[in-house]
Amino acid sequence: MKDIVWIIIVLLIVGWLFGYLSFGAVVGNMIHILLIVAVVLIVLRLLQKI
């Protein structure tokens, strides 16, 4: 289960980078939502380790 969370985090960040570099302003808000979700998942994952 722990590996699945990291896979989701990586996919969200890669999706954000791809969207940001490819589409820029066209889907700007969706890209930033993906980044926020990825950051939240990273924070939650780090808090679970403590």
Protein backbone atom coordinates (compact mmCIF):
# COMPACT_ATOMS: atom_id res chain seq x y z
CA MET A 1 0.00 0.00 0.00
CA LYS A 2 2.87 2.37 0.74
CA ASP A 3 4.31 1.90 -2.75
CA ILE A 4 0.97 2.77 -4.33
CA VAL A 5 0.97 6.18 -2.64
CA TRP A 6 4.45 6.93 -3.98
CA ILE A 7 3.42 5.81 -7.47
CA ILE A 8 0.42 8.15 -7.35
CA ILE A 9 2.62 11.02 -6.16
CA VAL A 10 5.13 10.46 -8.96
CA LEU A 11 2.38 10.19 -11.59
CA LEU A 12 0.78 13.43 -10.40
CA ILE A 13 4.08 15.31 -10.50
CA VAL A 14 4.98 13.92 -13.93
CA GLY A 15 1.49 14.80 -15.18
CA TRP A 16 1.89 18.30 -13.82
CA LEU A 17 5.29 18.74 -15.49
CA PHE A 18 4.01 17.37 -18.80
CA GLY A 19 0.95 19.60 -18.74
CA TYR A 20 2.90 22.66 -17.69
CA LEU A 21 5.52 22.24 -20.39
CA SER A 22 3.09 21.18 -23.12
CA PHE A 23 -0.07 23.21 -22.62
CA GLY A 24 0.97 26.10 -20.39
CA ALA A 25 -1.90 28.58 -20.03
CA VAL A 26 -4.52 26.37 -21.71
CA VAL A 27 -5.02 24.11 -18.71
CA GLY A 28 -3.16 26.11 -16.10
CA ASN A 29 -5.64 25.67 -13.26
CA MET A 30 -5.92 21.89 -13.66
CA ILE A 31 -2.16 21.55 -13.67
CA HIS A 32 -1.83 23.45 -10.42
CA ILE A 33 -4.56 21.35 -8.83
CA LEU A 34 -2.53 18.24 -9.72
CA LEU A 35 0.53 19.79 -8.10
CA ILE A 36 -1.38 20.67 -4.95
CA VAL A 37 -2.76 17.12 -4.69
CA ALA A 38 0.75 15.70 -5.13
CA VAL A 39 2.18 17.98 -2.44
CA VAL A 40 -0.63 17.11 -0.04
CA LEU A 41 0.01 13.39 -0.61
CA ILE A 42 3.74 13.89 0.03
CA VAL A 43 3.03 15.75 3.28
CA LEU A 44 0.57 13.08 4.42
CA ARG A 45 3.09 10.36 3.58
CA LEU A 46 5.82 12.12 5.55
CA LEU A 47 3.51 12.62 8.54
CA GLN A 48 2.66 8.90 8.55
CA LYS A 49 6.34 8.07 8.97
CA ILE A 50 6.61 10.15 12.16
